Amino acid sequence: MIIPSDLIVDDHKHLVSVTRARKPLIEMLQKSEGKTHLEIGSRIGASAIIASGYTESITCIDPMESLGPVPETEGVMYELKDLGIEKYFWLNMDRWGITDKVELIVALSFPFPADLEDRTWDTAFVDGIHTVEGMYQDMKSLEHRINIAMIIDDNPHNAVERFLGETDLWEQRTPMARSAVTLWRKDA
């Protein structure tokens, strides 16, 4: 089974990460008890695999364009260069037996994909365009589409502060965890 090098499998068959936003993601999914999950920026599907242990369905939005080479780490050989990102994504979903839970929309997150315009989800993991404007636009797109909570990964604080300053629906209830912040709907 090929998984990113910063992930391991625990006894409960959930993925646990030793870096970045994976711990806050698991905590948010456990606390929210949401059934539907949206990901912006899926690349090879690591966070979708984690979410699959806690939700019934996952929608992933990603342009599936290469962001540069993926290094060989600790003897794990990545197949990205041979397969392409989208095929590798589906290979990972298949290896974890979750293809029936996952929907992949190959597109940019902004403007928000038209075929998803009328849908909502319980939770979201935003790990797409890592700029202040890109993160802000993703949060604005999700403001009325997420029912419980969302995590903004690699968050530029200016984007989160700007978003929270313009909305009455969302709040930050806990301090930022390393490079991620979890936002909760005030009515959730």
Protein backbone atom coordinates (compact mmCIF):
# COMPACT_ATOMS: atom_id res chain seq x y z
CA MET A 1 0.00 0.00 0.00
CA ILE A 2 1.44 3.37 -0.96
CA ILE A 3 0.73 6.22 1.42
CA PRO A 4 2.50 9.50 2.07
CA SER A 5 5.54 9.09 4.29
CA ASP A 6 4.16 11.27 7.10
CA LEU A 7 1.22 8.90 7.64
CA ILE A 8 1.03 5.64 9.50
CA VAL A 9 -1.79 3.18 10.09
CA ASP A 10 -2.96 2.76 13.67
CA ASP A 11 -4.78 -0.22 15.19
CA HIS A 12 -8.17 1.21 14.22
CA LYS A 13 -7.28 1.32 10.52
CA HIS A 14 -7.35 5.10 10.54
CA LEU A 15 -4.49 7.16 9.23
CA VAL A 16 -2.61 9.16 11.80
CA SER A 17 -0.15 11.83 10.80
CA VAL A 18 2.85 13.09 12.65
CA THR A 19 2.79 16.45 10.90
CA ARG A 20 0.67 19.52 10.23
CA ALA A 21 -3.12 19.50 10.17
CA ARG A 22 -3.88 15.78 10.41
CA LYS A 23 -4.39 15.75 14.18
CA PRO A 24 -6.75 18.79 14.09
CA LEU A 25 -8.55 17.15 11.14
CA ILE A 26 -9.18 13.97 13.11
CA GLU A 27 -10.27 15.99 16.16
CA MET A 28 -12.69 18.07 14.07
CA LEU A 29 -14.17 14.98 12.40
CA GLN A 30 -14.61 13.23 15.76
CA LYS A 31 -16.21 16.25 17.48
CA SER A 32 -18.48 17.20 14.60
CA GLU A 33 -19.84 13.71 13.89
CA GLY A 34 -20.51 14.99 10.37
CA LYS A 35 -21.66 12.65 7.63
CA THR A 36 -20.47 14.60 4.58
CA HIS A 37 -17.03 16.10 4.02
CA LEU A 38 -15.51 18.44 1.42
CA GLU A 39 -11.84 18.76 0.60
CA ILE A 40 -10.26 21.56 -1.34
CA GLY A 41 -6.82 20.48 -2.46
CA SER A 42 -6.64 16.69 -2.37
CA ARG A 43 -3.60 15.89 -4.50
CA ILE A 44 -2.97 12.21 -3.68
CA GLY A 45 -5.87 11.78 -1.25
CA ALA A 46 -4.18 11.45 2.15
CA SER A 47 -6.71 13.65 3.97
CA ALA A 48 -9.61 12.01 2.13
CA ILE A 49 -8.36 8.64 3.39
CA ILE A 50 -8.31 10.00 6.94
CA ALA A 51 -11.81 11.48 6.56
CA SER A 52 -13.15 8.18 5.24
CA GLY A 53 -12.85 6.70 8.72
CA TYR A 54 -15.23 9.30 10.12
CA THR A 55 -17.67 10.32 7.36
CA GLU A 56 -20.04 8.65 4.92
CA SER A 57 -19.11 10.63 1.82
CA ILE A 58 -16.25 12.85 0.68
CA THR A 59 -16.16 15.34 -2.18
CA CYS A 60 -12.68 16.39 -3.32
CA ILE A 61 -11.93 19.43 -5.46
CA ASP A 62 -8.48 19.53 -7.03
CA PRO A 63 -7.15 20.55 -10.45
CA MET A 64 -4.92 17.44 -10.36
CA GLU A 65 -1.98 19.38 -11.72
CA SER A 66 1.55 18.62 -10.67
CA LEU A 67 3.00 20.83 -7.97
CA GLY A 68 6.49 19.54 -8.54
CA PRO A 69 8.31 16.31 -7.85
CA VAL A 70 7.44 14.08 -4.92
CA PRO A 71 10.64 12.81 -3.30
CA GLU A 72 11.40 9.22 -2.43
CA THR A 73 11.23 9.04 1.35
CA GLU A 74 12.39 6.27 3.66
CA GLY A 75 12.47 3.77 0.81
CA VAL A 76 8.85 4.42 -0.20
CA MET A 77 8.80 4.80 -3.97
CA TYR A 78 6.10 7.12 -5.22
CA GLU A 79 4.39 6.27 -8.50
CA LEU A 80 3.26 9.82 -9.27
CA LYS A 81 5.75 10.39 -12.05
CA ASP A 82 4.60 7.26 -13.88
CA LEU A 83 0.85 7.36 -13.21
CA GLY A 84 -0.06 11.02 -13.00
CA ILE A 85 -1.74 12.61 -10.00
CA GLU A 86 -5.36 11.73 -10.79
CA LYS A 87 -4.62 8.04 -11.44
CA TYR A 88 -2.48 7.91 -8.30
CA PHE A 89 -5.33 9.52 -6.30
CA TRP A 90 -7.77 6.82 -7.45
CA LEU A 91 -5.19 4.10 -6.86
CA ASN A 92 -4.95 5.26 -3.23
CA MET A 93 -8.74 5.36 -2.89
CA ASP A 94 -8.94 1.84 -4.31
CA ARG A 95 -6.18 0.53 -2.04
CA TRP A 96 -8.12 1.80 0.97
CA GLY A 97 -11.42 0.45 -0.37
CA ILE A 98 -13.16 3.83 -0.33
CA THR A 99 -13.80 4.61 -4.01
CA ASP A 100 -17.55 4.36 -3.39
CA LYS A 101 -17.34 7.09 -0.70
CA VAL A 102 -15.30 9.58 -2.76
CA GLU A 103 -16.28 12.00 -5.51
CA LEU A 104 -13.48 13.84 -7.32
CA ILE A 105 -14.16 17.14 -9.07
CA VAL A 106 -11.17 17.99 -11.26
CA ALA A 107 -11.28 21.78 -11.11
CA LEU A 108 -9.98 24.81 -9.32
CA SER A 109 -11.84 25.77 -6.15
CA PHE A 110 -12.32 29.36 -7.29
CA PRO A 111 -14.57 30.12 -8.89
CA PHE A 112 -16.48 27.41 -7.06
CA PRO A 113 -17.41 24.54 -9.44
CA ALA A 114 -20.88 25.16 -10.90
CA ASP A 115 -21.99 21.52 -10.57
CA LEU A 116 -21.51 21.80 -6.78
CA GLU A 117 -23.18 25.20 -6.46
CA ASP A 118 -26.31 24.00 -4.60
CA ARG A 119 -24.66 21.43 -2.33
CA THR A 120 -23.66 21.61 1.34
CA TRP A 121 -21.38 19.49 3.51
CA ASP A 122 -20.98 19.05 7.25
CA THR A 123 -17.20 19.54 7.39
CA ALA A 124 -14.38 20.76 5.15
CA PHE A 125 -10.61 20.58 4.93
CA VAL A 126 -9.19 23.50 2.94
CA ASP A 127 -5.67 22.82 1.68
CA GLY A 128 -5.76 24.41 -1.76
CA ILE A 129 -4.18 27.63 -2.94
CA HIS A 130 -1.74 28.72 -0.23
CA THR A 131 -1.99 32.47 -0.66
CA VAL A 132 -3.89 35.01 1.42
CA GLU A 133 -6.32 35.72 -1.43
CA GLY A 134 -6.69 32.05 -2.37
CA MET A 135 -7.48 30.96 1.18
CA TYR A 136 -9.84 33.90 1.67
CA GLN A 137 -11.74 33.05 -1.53
CA ASP A 138 -12.05 29.39 -0.46
CA MET A 139 -13.47 30.42 2.94
CA LYS A 140 -15.92 32.83 1.30
CA SER A 141 -17.03 30.10 -1.13
CA LEU A 142 -17.68 27.75 1.80
CA GLU A 143 -19.24 30.28 4.19
CA HIS A 144 -22.81 29.05 3.55
CA ARG A 145 -21.93 25.56 2.24
CA ILE A 146 -20.41 24.05 5.39
CA ASN A 147 -22.78 23.18 8.23
CA ILE A 148 -20.47 22.44 11.19
CA ALA A 149 -16.73 23.08 10.91
CA MET A 150 -13.80 23.58 8.54
CA ILE A 151 -10.03 23.46 8.85
CA ILE A 152 -7.87 25.91 6.98
CA ASP A 153 -4.43 24.32 6.49
CA ASP A 154 -1.20 26.26 5.98
CA ASN A 155 -3.36 29.25 6.78
CA PRO A 156 -2.24 32.78 6.18
CA HIS A 157 -3.57 34.51 9.32
CA ASN A 158 -4.52 37.58 7.31
CA ALA A 159 -7.02 35.51 5.30
CA VAL A 160 -8.64 34.00 8.40
CA GLU A 161 -8.80 37.38 10.18
CA ARG A 162 -10.32 39.01 7.10
CA PHE A 163 -12.91 36.24 6.73
CA LEU A 164 -13.88 36.24 10.42
CA GLY A 165 -14.14 40.03 10.35
CA GLU A 166 -16.71 39.82 7.54
CA THR A 167 -18.93 36.97 8.75
CA ASP A 168 -21.37 36.50 11.59
CA LEU A 169 -21.64 32.73 11.01
CA TRP A 170 -18.14 31.50 11.89
CA GLU A 171 -15.74 31.64 14.84
CA GLN A 172 -12.38 30.30 15.89
CA ARG A 173 -12.89 28.45 19.19
CA THR A 174 -9.38 27.10 19.74
CA PRO A 175 -5.89 28.45 19.17
CA MET A 176 -4.19 27.72 15.88
CA ALA A 177 -2.54 24.29 15.78
CA ARG A 178 0.86 24.73 14.15
CA SER A 179 -0.13 25.79 10.65
CA ALA A 180 -3.85 25.00 10.75
CA VAL A 181 -6.90 26.69 12.19
CA THR A 182 -10.30 25.13 12.83
CA LEU A 183 -13.35 27.32 12.32
CA TRP A 184 -16.79 26.37 13.71
CA ARG A 185 -20.18 27.67 12.70
CA LYS A 186 -21.56 29.62 15.63
CA ASP A 187 -24.86 27.73 15.41
CA ALA A 188 -23.21 24.28 15.39
